[in-house]
C-alpha atoms as a PDB file:
ATOM      1  CA  UNK A   1      31.503 -37.148 -14.846  1.00  0.00           C
ATOM      2  CA  UNK A   2      30.688 -37.832 -11.194  1.00  0.00           C
ATOM      3  CA  UNK A   3      31.781 -34.307 -10.246  1.00  0.00           C
ATOM      4  CA  UNK A   4      29.481 -32.809 -12.871  1.00  0.00           C
ATOM      5  CA  UNK A   5      26.548 -34.913 -11.599  1.00  0.00           C
ATOM      6  CA  UNK A   6      27.234 -33.712  -8.050  1.00  0.00           C
ATOM      7  CA  UNK A   7      27.242 -30.039  -9.114  1.00  0.00           C
ATOM      8  CA  UNK A   8      24.022 -30.512 -11.049  1.00  0.00           C
ATOM      9  CA  UNK A   9      22.322 -32.091  -8.022  1.00  0.00           C
ATOM     10  CA  UNK A  10      23.572 -29.231  -5.864  1.00  0.00           C
ATOM     11  CA  UNK A  11      22.083 -26.652  -8.263  1.00  0.00           C
ATOM     12  CA  UNK A  12      18.765 -28.493  -8.359  1.00  0.00           C
ATOM     13  CA  UNK A  13      18.574 -28.503  -4.556  1.00  0.00           C
ATOM     14  CA  UNK A  14      19.357 -24.801  -4.372  1.00  0.00           C
ATOM     15  CA  UNK A  15      16.754 -24.010  -7.024  1.00  0.00           C
ATOM     16  CA  UNK A  16      14.141 -26.047  -5.164  1.00  0.00           C
ATOM     17  CA  UNK A  17      14.809 -24.108  -1.933  1.00  0.00           C
ATOM     18  CA  UNK A  18      14.541 -20.781  -3.742  1.00  0.00           C
ATOM     19  CA  UNK A  19      11.250 -21.751  -5.392  1.00  0.00           C
ATOM     20  CA  UNK A  20       9.774 -22.953  -2.098  1.00  0.00           C
ATOM     21  CA  UNK A  21      10.755 -19.689  -0.428  1.00  0.00           C
ATOM     22  CA  UNK A  22       9.347 -17.495  -3.202  1.00  0.00           C
ATOM     23  CA  UNK A  23       6.048 -19.322  -3.614  1.00  0.00           C
ATOM     24  CA  UNK A  24       5.352 -19.647   0.113  1.00  0.00           C
ATOM     25  CA  UNK A  25       6.016 -15.931   0.680  1.00  0.00           C
ATOM     26  CA  UNK A  26       3.938 -14.905  -2.350  1.00  0.00           C
ATOM     27  CA  UNK A  27       0.814 -16.441  -0.815  1.00  0.00           C
ATOM     28  CA  UNK A  28       1.519 -14.676   2.473  1.00  0.00           C
ATOM     29  CA  UNK A  29       1.998 -11.319   0.704  1.00  0.00           C
ATOM     30  CA  UNK A  30      -1.282 -11.708  -1.222  1.00  0.00           C
ATOM     31  CA  UNK A  31      -3.161 -12.493   2.004  1.00  0.00           C
ATOM     32  CA  UNK A  32      -1.608  -9.511   3.815  1.00  0.00           C
ATOM     33  CA  UNK A  33      -2.540  -7.138   0.978  1.00  0.00           C
ATOM     34  CA  UNK A  34      -6.192  -8.152   1.032  1.00  0.00           C
ATOM     35  CA  UNK A  35      -6.377  -7.568   4.803  1.00  0.00           C
ATOM     36  CA  UNK A  36      -4.693  -4.162   4.741  1.00  0.00           C
ATOM     37  CA  UNK A  37      -6.943  -2.520   2.160  1.00  0.00           C
ATOM     38  CA  UNK A  38     -10.400  -3.071   3.621  1.00  0.00           C
ATOM     39  CA  UNK A  39     -12.706  -0.163   4.388  1.00  0.00           C
ATOM     40  CA  UNK A  40     -11.997   3.547   4.174  1.00  0.00           C
ATOM     41  CA  UNK A  41      -8.711   3.335   6.095  1.00  0.00           C
ATOM     42  CA  UNK A  42      -7.604   0.515   3.794  1.00  0.00           C
ATOM     43  CA  UNK A  43      -8.499   2.558   0.730  1.00  0.00           C
ATOM     44  CA  UNK A  44      -6.428   5.487   1.936  1.00  0.00           C
ATOM     45  CA  UNK A  45      -3.549   3.122   2.764  1.00  0.00           C
ATOM     46  CA  UNK A  46      -3.816   1.803  -0.791  1.00  0.00           C
ATOM     47  CA  UNK A  47      -3.520   5.345  -2.183  1.00  0.00           C
ATOM     48  CA  UNK A  48      -0.505   6.025   0.026  1.00  0.00           C
ATOM     49  CA  UNK A  49       1.143   2.776  -1.059  1.00  0.00           C
ATOM     50  CA  UNK A  50       0.506   3.474  -4.733  1.00  0.00           C
ATOM     51  CA  UNK A  51       2.202   6.884  -4.469  1.00  0.00           C
ATOM     52  CA  UNK A  52      -0.954   8.913  -5.124  1.00  0.00           C
ATOM     53  CA  UNK A  53      -0.386  11.057  -2.033  1.00  0.00           C
ATOM     54  CA  UNK A  54       3.279  11.812  -2.733  1.00  0.00           C
ATOM     55  CA  UNK A  55       2.027  15.163  -4.054  1.00  0.00           C
ATOM     56  CA  UNK A  56      -0.499  17.319  -2.139  1.00  0.00           C
ATOM     57  CA  UNK A  57      -4.108  16.348  -2.895  1.00  0.00           C
ATOM     58  CA  UNK A  58      -7.394  17.865  -1.761  1.00  0.00           C
ATOM     59  CA  UNK A  59     -10.130  15.820  -0.115  1.00  0.00           C
ATOM     60  CA  UNK A  60     -12.144  15.946  -3.345  1.00  0.00           C
ATOM     61  CA  UNK A  61      -9.197  14.632  -5.386  1.00  0.00           C
ATOM     62  CA  UNK A  62      -8.729  11.836  -2.860  1.00  0.00           C
ATOM     63  CA  UNK A  63     -12.455  11.044  -2.955  1.00  0.00           C
ATOM     64  CA  UNK A  64     -12.417  10.770  -6.749  1.00  0.00           C
ATOM     65  CA  UNK A  65      -9.377   8.477  -6.696  1.00  0.00           C
ATOM     66  CA  UNK A  66     -11.005   6.298  -4.031  1.00  0.00           C
ATOM     67  CA  UNK A  67     -14.104   6.034  -6.250  1.00  0.00           C
ATOM     68  CA  UNK A  68     -11.924   4.816  -9.137  1.00  0.00           C
ATOM     69  CA  UNK A  69     -10.695   2.042  -6.839  1.00  0.00           C
ATOM     70  CA  UNK A  70     -14.286   1.168  -5.775  1.00  0.00           C
ATOM     71  CA  UNK A  71     -14.160   2.795  -2.331  1.00  0.00           C
ATOM     72  CA  UNK A  72     -17.374   4.824  -2.049  1.00  0.00           C
ATOM     73  CA  UNK A  73     -17.428   7.086   1.019  1.00  0.00           C
ATOM     74  CA  UNK A  74     -18.717  10.569   1.848  1.00  0.00           C
ATOM     75  CA  UNK A  75     -16.481  13.595   1.649  1.00  0.00           C
ATOM     76  CA  UNK A  76     -17.019  14.260   5.366  1.00  0.00           C
ATOM     77  CA  UNK A  77     -16.015  10.697   6.282  1.00  0.00           C
ATOM     78  CA  UNK A  78     -12.890  10.877   4.162  1.00  0.00           C
ATOM     79  CA  UNK A  79     -11.923  14.306   5.566  1.00  0.00           C
ATOM     80  CA  UNK A  80     -12.390  13.115   9.151  1.00  0.00           C
ATOM     81  CA  UNK A  81     -10.379   9.920   8.585  1.00  0.00           C
ATOM     82  CA  UNK A  82      -7.567  11.822   6.876  1.00  0.00           C
ATOM     83  CA  UNK A  83      -7.409  14.417   9.629  1.00  0.00           C
ATOM     84  CA  UNK A  84      -7.852  12.249  12.709  1.00  0.00           C
ATOM     85  CA  UNK A  85      -6.329   8.904  11.764  1.00  0.00           C
ATOM     86  CA  UNK A  86      -3.625   9.689   9.247  1.00  0.00           C
ATOM     87  CA  UNK A  87      -2.573  13.193  10.333  1.00  0.00           C
ATOM     88  CA  UNK A  88      -3.052  13.359  14.110  1.00  0.00           C
ATOM     89  CA  UNK A  89      -2.907   9.770  15.377  1.00  0.00           C
ATOM     90  CA  UNK A  90      -0.577   7.882  13.041  1.00  0.00           C
ATOM     91  CA  UNK A  91       1.297  10.912  11.668  1.00  0.00           C
ATOM     92  CA  UNK A  92       1.576   9.404   8.190  1.00  0.00           C
ATOM     93  CA  UNK A  93       0.261  12.470   6.346  1.00  0.00           C
ATOM     94  CA  UNK A  94       0.768  16.212   6.626  1.00  0.00           C
ATOM     95  CA  UNK A  95      -2.082  18.645   6.121  1.00  0.00           C
ATOM     96  CA  UNK A  96      -1.133  21.853   4.350  1.00  0.00           C
ATOM     97  CA  UNK A  97      -3.195  24.821   3.226  1.00  0.00           C
ATOM     98  CA  UNK A  98      -2.804  25.837  -0.415  1.00  0.00           C
ATOM     99  CA  UNK A  99      -5.067  28.458  -1.990  1.00  0.00           C
ATOM    100  CA  UNK A 100      -7.502  28.323   0.967  1.00  0.00           C
ATOM    101  CA  UNK A 101      -7.896  24.536   0.545  1.00  0.00           C
ATOM    102  CA  UNK A 102      -6.447  21.893   2.840  1.00  0.00           C
ATOM    103  CA  UNK A 103      -4.393  19.276   1.055  1.00  0.00           C
ATOM    104  CA  UNK A 104      -2.862  16.036   2.319  1.00  0.00           C
ATOM    105  CA  UNK A 105       0.556  14.681   1.438  1.00  0.00           C
ATOM    106  CA  UNK A 106       2.791  11.866   2.722  1.00  0.00           C
ATOM    107  CA  UNK A 107       5.027  13.013   5.540  1.00  0.00           C
ATOM    108  CA  UNK A 108       8.716  12.807   4.587  1.00  0.00           C
END
């Protein structure tokens, strides 16, 4: 009986540690997400993270998807940010030309 009690206490302690770890990290993850997705750059990062740019998309397609997520920016602003920040500086996206239209896709 004593051995069973000891095992039960051991399991309770392990469960408590796991719960503390999960709940403390969950708050940190939620805070990090809200910081990363602010502004136009954050909106584009959100689209990248959600997999939207795994297939080539035009600036207009990206603009429409950003609107759905409540990011309202001009086409020129989006095009400039995609080209300068995500293609040239950070090298996260590739820009390809399909049917005389530039499209952006995640770099593999």
